[in-house]
């Protein structure tokens, strides 16, 4: 008679799916002490300061029940590394805290596989965290470093800066619409874009190359134009954005123009970088685009603030402002507390 396998406890879970994998992979010289002690110890490179960011993914709010565990592991770390990219920081390590409704070895195996695929790609080891029972929620804190005075802040946009965005925008929102059956896409069409929602690519190398070039930057998580508003508010400036310049994929361009513009302007989960830079850097930014094989598109410019609060002024193809009602629909951002 065979006995039932012993249930995995908290420390067994950590050892099997996280600690052993992190220890065998870690080669980051900045980590003096990693996972397994009360605290991790980080020794940042000389002349650099620490950058820290944290994101939480909650089932039912950020992802639906039954989401592919490996893709979820990828995304959980990628969205944090995207924040490091936006400020121009190089990843050093991350912590993981996860609440689980039950200990499902198959789910954990897939989740950790996705998680460590991103950690390995960006040389960012797991250095600590916590586990507990509860509704599925994943919280990651990523740590990076950036040379003193070189961090690319949201508050640095200057008048006459050009506004740029990497990659294309709107595909994650298009994927969500297809999965919700709001829009019909063929299997081939969906397969070309769904990774943008499930497995976004943090633009770490772009962020590093933008040090000393970009005056301000952020990553696009809640919608391009709504997120741009954060740069404008902190920089006390306005922006003129040409709606027809927003970079869109071939798949998105097949949709009605209203859907194209809506998803590109305010669809969330793109995790591209939006940044501002002097016009004198225009050609050099195009050289970066070529070197990284990553489209970088100039979509507008920073202008003097026209009213008491900073604003995005959306221009149509002939350079005239969109009607206020139309513009308002394109400036909405995802709200984590909205019903």
C-alpha atoms as a PDB file:
ATOM      1  CA  UNK A   1       0.000   0.000   0.000  1.00  0.00           C
ATOM      2  CA  UNK A   2       1.442   3.367  -1.035  1.00  0.00           C
ATOM      3  CA  UNK A   3       1.277   6.282   1.367  1.00  0.00           C
ATOM      4  CA  UNK A   4       0.065   9.673   0.176  1.00  0.00           C
ATOM      5  CA  UNK A   5       2.758  12.253  -0.591  1.00  0.00           C
ATOM      6  CA  UNK A   6       3.531  14.520   2.332  1.00  0.00           C
ATOM      7  CA  UNK A   7       1.823  17.918   1.864  1.00  0.00           C
ATOM      8  CA  UNK A   8       4.233  20.738   1.092  1.00  0.00           C
ATOM      9  CA  UNK A   9       4.666  23.208   3.940  1.00  0.00           C
ATOM     10  CA  UNK A  10       5.798  26.814   3.655  1.00  0.00           C
ATOM     11  CA  UNK A  11       9.522  26.124   3.951  1.00  0.00           C
ATOM     12  CA  UNK A  12       9.348  23.091   1.658  1.00  0.00           C
ATOM     13  CA  UNK A  13       7.571  25.256  -0.903  1.00  0.00           C
ATOM     14  CA  UNK A  14      10.202  27.993  -0.695  1.00  0.00           C
ATOM     15  CA  UNK A  15      13.082  25.522  -0.904  1.00  0.00           C
ATOM     16  CA  UNK A  16      11.694  23.509  -3.826  1.00  0.00           C
ATOM     17  CA  UNK A  17      10.341  26.200  -6.114  1.00  0.00           C
ATOM     18  CA  UNK A  18      12.290  29.349  -5.235  1.00  0.00           C
ATOM     19  CA  UNK A  19      15.389  29.101  -3.029  1.00  0.00           C
ATOM     20  CA  UNK A  20      17.114  26.208  -4.805  1.00  0.00           C
ATOM     21  CA  UNK A  21      16.488  27.729  -8.246  1.00  0.00           C
ATOM     22  CA  UNK A  22      17.630  31.190  -7.207  1.00  0.00           C
ATOM     23  CA  UNK A  23      20.800  29.915  -5.513  1.00  0.00           C
ATOM     24  CA  UNK A  24      21.845  27.847  -8.519  1.00  0.00           C
ATOM     25  CA  UNK A  25      21.306  30.748 -10.927  1.00  0.00           C
ATOM     26  CA  UNK A  26      22.615  33.729  -8.972  1.00  0.00           C
ATOM     27  CA  UNK A  27      25.804  35.291 -10.336  1.00  0.00           C
ATOM     28  CA  UNK A  28      25.166  38.943  -9.492  1.00  0.00           C
ATOM     29  CA  UNK A  29      28.223  40.260  -7.660  1.00  0.00           C
ATOM     30  CA  UNK A  30      26.157  43.029  -6.051  1.00  0.00           C
ATOM     31  CA  UNK A  31      24.311  40.474  -3.889  1.00  0.00           C
ATOM     32  CA  UNK A  32      26.415  39.733  -0.791  1.00  0.00           C
ATOM     33  CA  UNK A  33      23.702  37.595   0.845  1.00  0.00           C
ATOM     34  CA  UNK A  34      20.643  36.310  -0.965  1.00  0.00           C
ATOM     35  CA  UNK A  35      17.588  34.238  -0.171  1.00  0.00           C
ATOM     36  CA  UNK A  36      17.555  32.147   3.027  1.00  0.00           C
ATOM     37  CA  UNK A  37      18.441  34.605   5.802  1.00  0.00           C
ATOM     38  CA  UNK A  38      16.433  37.237   7.697  1.00  0.00           C
ATOM     39  CA  UNK A  39      17.552  39.892   5.239  1.00  0.00           C
ATOM     40  CA  UNK A  40      19.375  40.085   1.947  1.00  0.00           C
ATOM     41  CA  UNK A  41      22.545  42.149   1.720  1.00  0.00           C
ATOM     42  CA  UNK A  42      23.190  44.292  -1.357  1.00  0.00           C
ATOM     43  CA  UNK A  43      26.449  46.008  -2.204  1.00  0.00           C
ATOM     44  CA  UNK A  44      25.644  48.538  -4.952  1.00  0.00           C
ATOM     45  CA  UNK A  45      28.365  49.389  -7.463  1.00  0.00           C
ATOM     46  CA  UNK A  46      30.608  52.263  -6.440  1.00  0.00           C
ATOM     47  CA  UNK A  47      29.148  55.679  -7.242  1.00  0.00           C
ATOM     48  CA  UNK A  48      25.627  54.368  -7.746  1.00  0.00           C
ATOM     49  CA  UNK A  49      22.405  54.754  -5.800  1.00  0.00           C
ATOM     50  CA  UNK A  50      19.707  52.159  -5.202  1.00  0.00           C
ATOM     51  CA  UNK A  51      16.412  52.230  -7.143  1.00  0.00           C
ATOM     52  CA  UNK A  52      13.489  50.330  -5.594  1.00  0.00           C
ATOM     53  CA  UNK A  53      10.054  49.599  -7.064  1.00  0.00           C
ATOM     54  CA  UNK A  54       7.165  47.377  -6.029  1.00  0.00           C
ATOM     55  CA  UNK A  55       4.105  46.047  -7.854  1.00  0.00           C
ATOM     56  CA  UNK A  56       1.273  43.761  -6.812  1.00  0.00           C
ATOM     57  CA  UNK A  57      -0.828  41.514  -9.054  1.00  0.00           C
ATOM     58  CA  UNK A  58      -4.146  40.398  -7.582  1.00  0.00           C
ATOM     59  CA  UNK A  59      -6.369  37.706  -9.077  1.00  0.00           C
ATOM     60  CA  UNK A  60      -9.641  39.205 -10.278  1.00  0.00           C
ATOM     61  CA  UNK A  61      -8.174  42.704 -10.556  1.00  0.00           C
ATOM     62  CA  UNK A  62      -4.983  42.350 -12.606  1.00  0.00           C
ATOM     63  CA  UNK A  63      -5.499  38.883 -14.060  1.00  0.00           C
ATOM     64  CA  UNK A  64      -8.405  36.472 -14.380  1.00  0.00           C
ATOM     65  CA  UNK A  65      -8.762  33.210 -12.490  1.00  0.00           C
ATOM     66  CA  UNK A  66      -7.110  30.384 -14.417  1.00  0.00           C
ATOM     67  CA  UNK A  67      -4.470  32.596 -16.072  1.00  0.00           C
ATOM     68  CA  UNK A  68      -1.539  30.552 -17.372  1.00  0.00           C
ATOM     69  CA  UNK A  69       0.848  30.231 -14.417  1.00  0.00           C
ATOM     70  CA  UNK A  70       4.062  30.412 -16.465  1.00  0.00           C
ATOM     71  CA  UNK A  71       2.916  33.581 -18.220  1.00  0.00           C
ATOM     72  CA  UNK A  72       1.902  35.034 -14.853  1.00  0.00           C
ATOM     73  CA  UNK A  73       5.372  34.352 -13.475  1.00  0.00           C
ATOM     74  CA  UNK A  74       6.906  36.163 -16.447  1.00  0.00           C
ATOM     75  CA  UNK A  75       4.624  39.159 -16.132  1.00  0.00           C
ATOM     76  CA  UNK A  76       4.942  39.496 -12.360  1.00  0.00           C
ATOM     77  CA  UNK A  77       8.651  40.236 -12.610  1.00  0.00           C
ATOM     78  CA  UNK A  78       8.591  41.989 -15.993  1.00  0.00           C
ATOM     79  CA  UNK A  79       6.258  44.771 -14.820  1.00  0.00           C
ATOM     80  CA  UNK A  80       8.641  45.586 -11.976  1.00  0.00           C
ATOM     81  CA  UNK A  81      11.702  45.573 -14.198  1.00  0.00           C
ATOM     82  CA  UNK A  82       9.829  47.930 -16.510  1.00  0.00           C
ATOM     83  CA  UNK A  83       9.812  50.487 -13.676  1.00  0.00           C
ATOM     84  CA  UNK A  84      13.579  50.119 -13.291  1.00  0.00           C
ATOM     85  CA  UNK A  85      13.952  50.609 -17.044  1.00  0.00           C
ATOM     86  CA  UNK A  86      11.977  53.848 -16.905  1.00  0.00           C
ATOM     87  CA  UNK A  87      14.361  55.423 -14.423  1.00  0.00           C
ATOM     88  CA  UNK A  88      17.460  54.095 -16.188  1.00  0.00           C
ATOM     89  CA  UNK A  89      18.405  51.551 -13.518  1.00  0.00           C
ATOM     90  CA  UNK A  90      20.201  48.233 -13.956  1.00  0.00           C
ATOM     91  CA  UNK A  91      18.493  45.327 -12.115  1.00  0.00           C
ATOM     92  CA  UNK A  92      20.289  43.891  -9.072  1.00  0.00           C
ATOM     93  CA  UNK A  93      17.717  41.538  -7.528  1.00  0.00           C
ATOM     94  CA  UNK A  94      14.117  41.120  -6.400  1.00  0.00           C
ATOM     95  CA  UNK A  95      11.955  39.835  -3.572  1.00  0.00           C
ATOM     96  CA  UNK A  96       8.741  37.856  -3.982  1.00  0.00           C
ATOM     97  CA  UNK A  97       5.792  37.693  -1.587  1.00  0.00           C
ATOM     98  CA  UNK A  98       2.933  35.457  -2.646  1.00  0.00           C
ATOM     99  CA  UNK A  99      -0.406  34.461  -1.136  1.00  0.00           C
ATOM    100  CA  UNK A 100      -1.723  31.100  -2.333  1.00  0.00           C
ATOM    101  CA  UNK A 101      -5.211  29.619  -1.866  1.00  0.00           C
ATOM    102  CA  UNK A 102      -3.586  26.160  -1.814  1.00  0.00           C
ATOM    103  CA  UNK A 103      -0.231  24.524  -2.499  1.00  0.00           C
ATOM    104  CA  UNK A 104      -0.457  23.281  -6.074  1.00  0.00           C
ATOM    105  CA  UNK A 105       2.916  21.848  -7.080  1.00  0.00           C
ATOM    106  CA  UNK A 106       2.133  21.854 -10.798  1.00  0.00           C
ATOM    107  CA  UNK A 107       1.051  25.517 -10.694  1.00  0.00           C
ATOM    108  CA  UNK A 108       4.111  26.518  -8.667  1.00  0.00           C
ATOM    109  CA  UNK A 109       6.448  24.679 -11.038  1.00  0.00           C
ATOM    110  CA  UNK A 110       5.035  26.600 -14.016  1.00  0.00           C
ATOM    111  CA  UNK A 111       4.952  29.929 -12.164  1.00  0.00           C
ATOM    112  CA  UNK A 112       8.557  29.661 -11.002  1.00  0.00           C
ATOM    113  CA  UNK A 113       9.655  28.614 -14.504  1.00  0.00           C
ATOM    114  CA  UNK A 114       8.170  31.794 -15.958  1.00  0.00           C
ATOM    115  CA  UNK A 115       9.514  33.926 -13.128  1.00  0.00           C
ATOM    116  CA  UNK A 116      13.081  32.684 -13.462  1.00  0.00           C
ATOM    117  CA  UNK A 117      13.057  32.905 -17.254  1.00  0.00           C
ATOM    118  CA  UNK A 118      12.777  36.700 -16.872  1.00  0.00           C
ATOM    119  CA  UNK A 119      15.155  36.779 -13.886  1.00  0.00           C
ATOM    120  CA  UNK A 120      17.790  34.922 -15.910  1.00  0.00           C
ATOM    121  CA  UNK A 121      17.339  37.117 -18.978  1.00  0.00           C
ATOM    122  CA  UNK A 122      18.017  40.289 -16.993  1.00  0.00           C
ATOM    123  CA  UNK A 123      20.497  38.842 -14.465  1.00  0.00           C
ATOM    124  CA  UNK A 124      18.178  39.697 -11.587  1.00  0.00           C
ATOM    125  CA  UNK A 125      18.236  37.009  -8.840  1.00  0.00           C
ATOM    126  CA  UNK A 126      15.541  36.316  -6.269  1.00  0.00           C
ATOM    127  CA  UNK A 127      16.963  37.426  -2.893  1.00  0.00           C
ATOM    128  CA  UNK A 128      14.066  37.016  -0.448  1.00  0.00           C
ATOM    129  CA  UNK A 129      10.343  37.251   0.178  1.00  0.00           C
ATOM    130  CA  UNK A 130       7.454  35.557   1.970  1.00  0.00           C
ATOM    131  CA  UNK A 131       4.608  33.109   1.407  1.00  0.00           C
ATOM    132  CA  UNK A 132       1.230  32.748   3.088  1.00  0.00           C
ATOM    133  CA  UNK A 133      -2.222  31.266   2.569  1.00  0.00           C
ATOM    134  CA  UNK A 134      -4.920  33.480   1.073  1.00  0.00           C
ATOM    135  CA  UNK A 135      -6.492  34.647  -2.164  1.00  0.00           C
ATOM    136  CA  UNK A 136      -3.946  34.565  -4.985  1.00  0.00           C
ATOM    137  CA  UNK A 137      -1.829  37.719  -4.890  1.00  0.00           C
ATOM    138  CA  UNK A 138       1.741  38.287  -6.029  1.00  0.00           C
ATOM    139  CA  UNK A 139       3.883  41.157  -4.790  1.00  0.00           C
ATOM    140  CA  UNK A 140       7.376  41.775  -6.126  1.00  0.00           C
ATOM    141  CA  UNK A 141       9.909  44.388  -5.087  1.00  0.00           C
ATOM    142  CA  UNK A 142      12.701  44.912  -7.593  1.00  0.00           C
ATOM    143  CA  UNK A 143      16.000  46.567  -6.725  1.00  0.00           C
ATOM    144  CA  UNK A 144      18.322  48.228  -9.199  1.00  0.00           C
ATOM    145  CA  UNK A 145      21.137  50.761  -9.284  1.00  0.00           C
ATOM    146  CA  UNK A 146      21.816  53.897 -11.268  1.00  0.00           C
ATOM    147  CA  UNK A 147      24.825  56.273 -11.218  1.00  0.00           C
ATOM    148  CA  UNK A 148      24.376  59.194  -8.851  1.00  0.00           C
ATOM    149  CA  UNK A 149      22.531  62.009 -10.604  1.00  0.00           C
ATOM    150  CA  UNK A 150      21.717  59.930 -13.703  1.00  0.00           C
ATOM    151  CA  UNK A 151      18.244  58.653 -12.790  1.00  0.00           C
ATOM    152  CA  UNK A 152      15.636  59.659 -15.380  1.00  0.00           C
ATOM    153  CA  UNK A 153      12.836  61.221 -13.346  1.00  0.00           C
ATOM    154  CA  UNK A 154       9.303  62.119 -14.302  1.00  0.00           C
ATOM    155  CA  UNK A 155       9.881  65.727 -13.301  1.00  0.00           C
ATOM    156  CA  UNK A 156      12.584  66.601 -15.831  1.00  0.00           C
ATOM    157  CA  UNK A 157      10.652  67.395 -19.035  1.00  0.00           C
ATOM    158  CA  UNK A 158      11.714  70.680 -20.642  1.00  0.00           C
ATOM    159  CA  UNK A 159       9.869  73.047 -22.972  1.00  0.00           C
ATOM    160  CA  UNK A 160      10.404  72.038 -26.630  1.00  0.00           C
ATOM    161  CA  UNK A 161      11.416  68.495 -25.675  1.00  0.00           C
ATOM    162  CA  UNK A 162      10.142  65.896 -28.094  1.00  0.00           C
ATOM    163  CA  UNK A 163       7.869  63.196 -26.686  1.00  0.00           C
ATOM    164  CA  UNK A 164       8.765  59.625 -27.662  1.00  0.00           C
ATOM    165  CA  UNK A 165       7.373  56.154 -27.077  1.00  0.00           C
ATOM    166  CA  UNK A 166       8.995  52.782 -27.646  1.00  0.00           C
ATOM    167  CA  UNK A 167       7.521  49.842 -29.542  1.00  0.00           C
ATOM    168  CA  UNK A 168       3.803  49.902 -30.295  1.00  0.00           C
ATOM    169  CA  UNK A 169       0.891  50.610 -27.980  1.00  0.00           C
ATOM    170  CA  UNK A 170      -2.612  49.192 -27.699  1.00  0.00           C
ATOM    171  CA  UNK A 171      -1.991  45.486 -28.320  1.00  0.00           C
ATOM    172  CA  UNK A 172      -2.437  44.414 -24.703  1.00  0.00           C
ATOM    173  CA  UNK A 173      -5.813  46.142 -24.633  1.00  0.00           C
ATOM    174  CA  UNK A 174      -6.713  44.574 -27.985  1.00  0.00           C
ATOM    175  CA  UNK A 175      -5.805  41.143 -26.595  1.00  0.00           C
ATOM    176  CA  UNK A 176      -8.018  41.744 -23.572  1.00  0.00           C
ATOM    177  CA  UNK A 177     -10.896  42.810 -25.815  1.00  0.00           C
ATOM    178  CA  UNK A 178     -10.518  39.622 -27.856  1.00  0.00           C
ATOM    179  CA  UNK A 179     -10.418  37.427 -24.748  1.00  0.00           C
ATOM    180  CA  UNK A 180     -13.555  39.167 -23.478  1.00  0.00           C
ATOM    181  CA  UNK A 181     -15.205  38.586 -26.880  1.00  0.00           C
ATOM    182  CA  UNK A 182     -15.664  42.334 -27.320  1.00  0.00           C
ATOM    183  CA  UNK A 183     -13.748  42.122 -30.598  1.00  0.00           C
ATOM    184  CA  UNK A 184     -13.309  39.206 -32.964  1.00  0.00           C
ATOM    185  CA  UNK A 185      -9.727  38.291 -33.923  1.00  0.00           C
ATOM    186  CA  UNK A 186      -8.579  35.269 -35.881  1.00  0.00           C
ATOM    187  CA  UNK A 187      -6.376  32.737 -34.102  1.00  0.00           C
ATOM    188  CA  UNK A 188      -3.370  33.958 -36.092  1.00  0.00           C
ATOM    189  CA  UNK A 189      -4.072  37.598 -35.294  1.00  0.00           C
ATOM    190  CA  UNK A 190      -4.390  36.872 -31.584  1.00  0.00           C
ATOM    191  CA  UNK A 191      -1.198  34.814 -31.570  1.00  0.00           C
ATOM    192  CA  UNK A 192       0.790  37.771 -32.966  1.00  0.00           C
ATOM    193  CA  UNK A 193      -0.161  40.123 -30.123  1.00  0.00           C
ATOM    194  CA  UNK A 194      -1.195  38.173 -27.020  1.00  0.00           C
ATOM    195  CA  UNK A 195       2.352  38.042 -25.650  1.00  0.00           C
ATOM    196  CA  UNK A 196       2.095  41.829 -25.232  1.00  0.00           C
ATOM    197  CA  UNK A 197      -0.487  41.286 -22.504  1.00  0.00           C
ATOM    198  CA  UNK A 198       0.814  38.066 -20.944  1.00  0.00           C
ATOM    199  CA  UNK A 199       4.583  38.426 -21.310  1.00  0.00           C
ATOM    200  CA  UNK A 200       5.584  42.084 -21.717  1.00  0.00           C
ATOM    201  CA  UNK A 201       9.231  42.935 -22.382  1.00  0.00           C
ATOM    202  CA  UNK A 202      10.827  45.377 -19.922  1.00  0.00           C
ATOM    203  CA  UNK A 203      12.890  47.878 -21.914  1.00  0.00           C
ATOM    204  CA  UNK A 204      15.950  47.672 -19.652  1.00  0.00           C
ATOM    205  CA  UNK A 205      18.573  48.241 -22.367  1.00  0.00           C
ATOM    206  CA  UNK A 206      16.669  51.254 -23.704  1.00  0.00           C
ATOM    207  CA  UNK A 207      16.468  52.760 -20.226  1.00  0.00           C
ATOM    208  CA  UNK A 208      20.231  52.390 -19.772  1.00  0.00           C
ATOM    209  CA  UNK A 209      20.936  54.023 -23.137  1.00  0.00           C
ATOM    210  CA  UNK A 210      18.622  56.944 -22.359  1.00  0.00           C
ATOM    211  CA  UNK A 211      20.707  58.051 -19.376  1.00  0.00           C
ATOM    212  CA  UNK A 212      21.959  61.545 -20.123  1.00  0.00           C
ATOM    213  CA  UNK A 213      19.707  61.793 -23.185  1.00  0.00           C
ATOM    214  CA  UNK A 214      16.116  61.707 -21.906  1.00  0.00           C
ATOM    215  CA  UNK A 215      14.992  64.475 -19.585  1.00  0.00           C
ATOM    216  CA  UNK A 216      11.978  62.558 -18.254  1.00  0.00           C
ATOM    217  CA  UNK A 217      10.540  59.069 -18.612  1.00  0.00           C
ATOM    218  CA  UNK A 218       8.047  56.544 -17.282  1.00  0.00           C
ATOM    219  CA  UNK A 219       6.756  53.145 -18.265  1.00  0.00           C
ATOM    220  CA  UNK A 220       3.312  52.866 -19.844  1.00  0.00           C
ATOM    221  CA  UNK A 221       1.223  50.674 -17.564  1.00  0.00           C
ATOM    222  CA  UNK A 222      -2.159  52.382 -17.272  1.00  0.00           C
ATOM    223  CA  UNK A 223      -2.472  53.967 -20.733  1.00  0.00           C
ATOM    224  CA  UNK A 224      -0.046  56.095 -22.767  1.00  0.00           C
ATOM    225  CA  UNK A 225      -1.659  59.526 -22.617  1.00  0.00           C
ATOM    226  CA  UNK A 226      -2.915  59.164 -19.067  1.00  0.00           C
ATOM    227  CA  UNK A 227       0.544  58.097 -17.933  1.00  0.00           C
ATOM    228  CA  UNK A 228       2.136  60.974 -19.865  1.00  0.00           C
ATOM    229  CA  UNK A 229       0.001  63.239 -17.696  1.00  0.00           C
ATOM    230  CA  UNK A 230       2.181  62.203 -14.711  1.00  0.00           C
ATOM    231  CA  UNK A 231       5.280  63.549 -16.459  1.00  0.00           C
ATOM    232  CA  UNK A 232       3.477  66.782 -17.265  1.00  0.00           C
ATOM    233  CA  UNK A 233       2.132  67.258 -13.740  1.00  0.00           C
ATOM    234  CA  UNK A 234       5.543  66.733 -12.168  1.00  0.00           C
ATOM    235  CA  UNK A 235       7.320  68.823 -14.810  1.00  0.00           C
ATOM    236  CA  UNK A 236       4.696  71.607 -14.762  1.00  0.00           C
ATOM    237  CA  UNK A 237       4.288  71.640 -18.524  1.00  0.00           C
ATOM    238  CA  UNK A 238       1.793  70.711 -21.237  1.00  0.00           C
ATOM    239  CA  UNK A 239       2.230  68.453 -24.246  1.00  0.00           C
ATOM    240  CA  UNK A 240       0.927  68.475 -27.802  1.00  0.00           C
ATOM    241  CA  UNK A 241       0.413  64.939 -29.085  1.00  0.00           C
ATOM    242  CA  UNK A 242      -0.379  64.010 -32.674  1.00  0.00           C
ATOM    243  CA  UNK A 243      -2.962  61.250 -32.520  1.00  0.00           C
ATOM    244  CA  UNK A 244      -2.010  59.839 -35.927  1.00  0.00           C
ATOM    245  CA  UNK A 245       1.595  59.384 -34.775  1.00  0.00           C
ATOM    246  CA  UNK A 246       0.817  56.871 -32.022  1.00  0.00           C
ATOM    247  CA  UNK A 247       2.669  53.675 -33.059  1.00  0.00           C
ATOM    248  CA  UNK A 248       0.309  50.745 -33.698  1.00  0.00           C
ATOM    249  CA  UNK A 249       0.833  47.149 -34.730  1.00  0.00           C
ATOM    250  CA  UNK A 250      -0.421  45.756 -38.034  1.00  0.00           C
ATOM    251  CA  UNK A 251      -3.074  43.826 -36.116  1.00  0.00           C
ATOM    252  CA  UNK A 252      -4.402  46.901 -34.334  1.00  0.00           C
ATOM    253  CA  UNK A 253      -4.457  48.877 -37.597  1.00  0.00           C
ATOM    254  CA  UNK A 254      -6.995  46.386 -38.962  1.00  0.00           C
ATOM    255  CA  UNK A 255      -9.561  47.643 -36.449  1.00  0.00           C
ATOM    256  CA  UNK A 256     -11.882  50.604 -36.864  1.00  0.00           C
ATOM    257  CA  UNK A 257     -10.023  53.908 -36.459  1.00  0.00           C
ATOM    258  CA  UNK A 258     -11.942  54.753 -33.264  1.00  0.00           C
ATOM    259  CA  UNK A 259     -10.851  51.485 -31.653  1.00  0.00           C
ATOM    260  CA  UNK A 260      -7.277  51.963 -32.886  1.00  0.00           C
ATOM    261  CA  UNK A 261      -7.035  55.383 -31.301  1.00  0.00           C
ATOM    262  CA  UNK A 262      -8.792  54.397 -28.085  1.00  0.00           C
ATOM    263  CA  UNK A 263      -6.598  51.353 -27.439  1.00  0.00           C
ATOM    264  CA  UNK A 264      -3.349  53.074 -28.455  1.00  0.00           C
ATOM    265  CA  UNK A 265      -4.042  56.215 -26.425  1.00  0.00           C
ATOM    266  CA  UNK A 266      -5.358  54.739 -23.195  1.00  0.00           C
ATOM    267  CA  UNK A 267      -5.132  50.954 -23.306  1.00  0.00           C
ATOM    268  CA  UNK A 268      -3.136  49.673 -20.332  1.00  0.00           C
ATOM    269  CA  UNK A 269      -0.467  46.980 -19.869  1.00  0.00           C
ATOM    270  CA  UNK A 270       1.820  48.062 -22.717  1.00  0.00           C
ATOM    271  CA  UNK A 271       4.949  48.463 -20.552  1.00  0.00           C
ATOM    272  CA  UNK A 272       6.700  50.525 -23.180  1.00  0.00           C
ATOM    273  CA  UNK A 273       8.743  53.590 -22.245  1.00  0.00           C
ATOM    274  CA  UNK A 274       7.441  57.101 -22.841  1.00  0.00           C
ATOM    275  CA  UNK A 275      10.154  59.723 -22.578  1.00  0.00           C
ATOM    276  CA  UNK A 276      11.003  63.298 -23.450  1.00  0.00           C
ATOM    277  CA  UNK A 277      14.300  64.495 -24.906  1.00  0.00           C
ATOM    278  CA  UNK A 278      15.738  67.643 -26.521  1.00  0.00           C
ATOM    279  CA  UNK A 279      15.279  67.973 -30.268  1.00  0.00           C
ATOM    280  CA  UNK A 280      19.078  67.961 -30.557  1.00  0.00           C
ATOM    281  CA  UNK A 281      18.989  64.278 -29.553  1.00  0.00           C
ATOM    282  CA  UNK A 282      16.543  63.263 -32.295  1.00  0.00           C
ATOM    283  CA  UNK A 283      19.048  61.580 -34.621  1.00  0.00           C
ATOM    284  CA  UNK A 284      20.866  59.890 -31.757  1.00  0.00           C
ATOM    285  CA  UNK A 285      17.573  58.415 -30.517  1.00  0.00           C
ATOM    286  CA  UNK A 286      16.976  57.020 -33.996  1.00  0.00           C
ATOM    287  CA  UNK A 287      20.441  55.442 -33.821  1.00  0.00           C
ATOM    288  CA  UNK A 288      19.458  53.805 -30.512  1.00  0.00           C
ATOM    289  CA  UNK A 289      16.299  52.544 -32.189  1.00  0.00           C
ATOM    290  CA  UNK A 290      18.368  50.954 -34.949  1.00  0.00           C
ATOM    291  CA  UNK A 291      20.915  49.470 -32.548  1.00  0.00           C
ATOM    292  CA  UNK A 292      18.237  47.855 -30.379  1.00  0.00           C
ATOM    293  CA  UNK A 293      16.003  46.898 -33.323  1.00  0.00           C
ATOM    294  CA  UNK A 294      13.211  48.624 -31.403  1.00  0.00           C
ATOM    295  CA  UNK A 295      10.892  51.235 -32.933  1.00  0.00           C
ATOM    296  CA  UNK A 296      11.131  54.603 -31.166  1.00  0.00           C
ATOM    297  CA  UNK A 297       8.491  57.066 -32.343  1.00  0.00           C
ATOM    298  CA  UNK A 298       8.280  60.813 -31.797  1.00  0.00           C
ATOM    299  CA  UNK A 299       4.618  61.548 -31.038  1.00  0.00           C
ATOM    300  CA  UNK A 300       4.639  65.195 -29.971  1.00  0.00           C
ATOM    301  CA  UNK A 301       6.376  67.908 -27.988  1.00  0.00           C
ATOM    302  CA  UNK A 302       6.428  69.596 -24.593  1.00  0.00           C
ATOM    303  CA  UNK A 303       4.981  73.127 -24.502  1.00  0.00           C
ATOM    304  CA  UNK A 304       4.377  75.817 -21.913  1.00  0.00           C
ATOM    305  CA  UNK A 305       1.501  75.162 -19.544  1.00  0.00           C
ATOM    306  CA  UNK A 306      -1.614  76.974 -20.720  1.00  0.00           C
ATOM    307  CA  UNK A 307      -3.724  76.684 -17.566  1.00  0.00           C
ATOM    308  CA  UNK A 308      -3.251  76.066 -13.857  1.00  0.00           C
ATOM    309  CA  UNK A 309      -3.030  72.294 -14.308  1.00  0.00           C
ATOM    310  CA  UNK A 310      -0.798  70.473 -16.778  1.00  0.00           C
ATOM    311  CA  UNK A 311      -2.613  69.026 -19.794  1.00  0.00           C
ATOM    312  CA  UNK A 312      -2.202  66.792 -22.833  1.00  0.00           C
ATOM    313  CA  UNK A 313      -3.477  68.552 -25.970  1.00  0.00           C
ATOM    314  CA  UNK A 314      -4.417  65.940 -28.580  1.00  0.00           C
ATOM    315  CA  UNK A 315      -4.128  67.084 -32.185  1.00  0.00           C
ATOM    316  CA  UNK A 316      -5.739  65.443 -35.195  1.00  0.00           C
ATOM    317  CA  UNK A 317      -4.042  64.824 -38.524  1.00  0.00           C
ATOM    318  CA  UNK A 318      -4.378  68.463 -39.644  1.00  0.00           C
ATOM    319  CA  UNK A 319      -2.874  69.778 -36.405  1.00  0.00           C
ATOM    320  CA  UNK A 320      -6.121  71.005 -34.887  1.00  0.00           C
ATOM    321  CA  UNK A 321      -7.150  70.089 -31.314  1.00  0.00           C
ATOM    322  CA  UNK A 322      -9.675  67.291 -30.937  1.00  0.00           C
ATOM    323  CA  UNK A 323     -13.060  68.300 -29.509  1.00  0.00           C
ATOM    324  CA  UNK A 324     -12.947  68.149 -25.691  1.00  0.00           C
ATOM    325  CA  UNK A 325     -15.410  65.281 -25.481  1.00  0.00           C
ATOM    326  CA  UNK A 326     -13.313  63.133 -27.855  1.00  0.00           C
ATOM    327  CA  UNK A 327     -10.063  64.054 -26.150  1.00  0.00           C
ATOM    328  CA  UNK A 328     -11.449  63.170 -22.716  1.00  0.00           C
ATOM    329  CA  UNK A 329     -12.147  59.608 -23.852  1.00  0.00           C
ATOM    330  CA  UNK A 330      -8.510  59.189 -24.907  1.00  0.00           C
ATOM    331  CA  UNK A 331      -7.058  60.488 -21.652  1.00  0.00           C
ATOM    332  CA  UNK A 332      -8.577  57.910 -19.334  1.00  0.00           C
ATOM    333  CA  UNK A 333      -6.189  55.771 -17.302  1.00  0.00           C
ATOM    334  CA  UNK A 334      -6.762  52.422 -15.645  1.00  0.00           C
ATOM    335  CA  UNK A 335      -7.932  52.935 -12.044  1.00  0.00           C
ATOM    336  CA  UNK A 336      -7.057  50.106  -9.637  1.00  0.00           C
ATOM    337  CA  UNK A 337      -9.956  51.072  -7.355  1.00  0.00           C
ATOM    338  CA  UNK A 338     -12.601  51.595 -10.038  1.00  0.00           C
ATOM    339  CA  UNK A 339     -15.439  49.076 -10.043  1.00  0.00           C
END
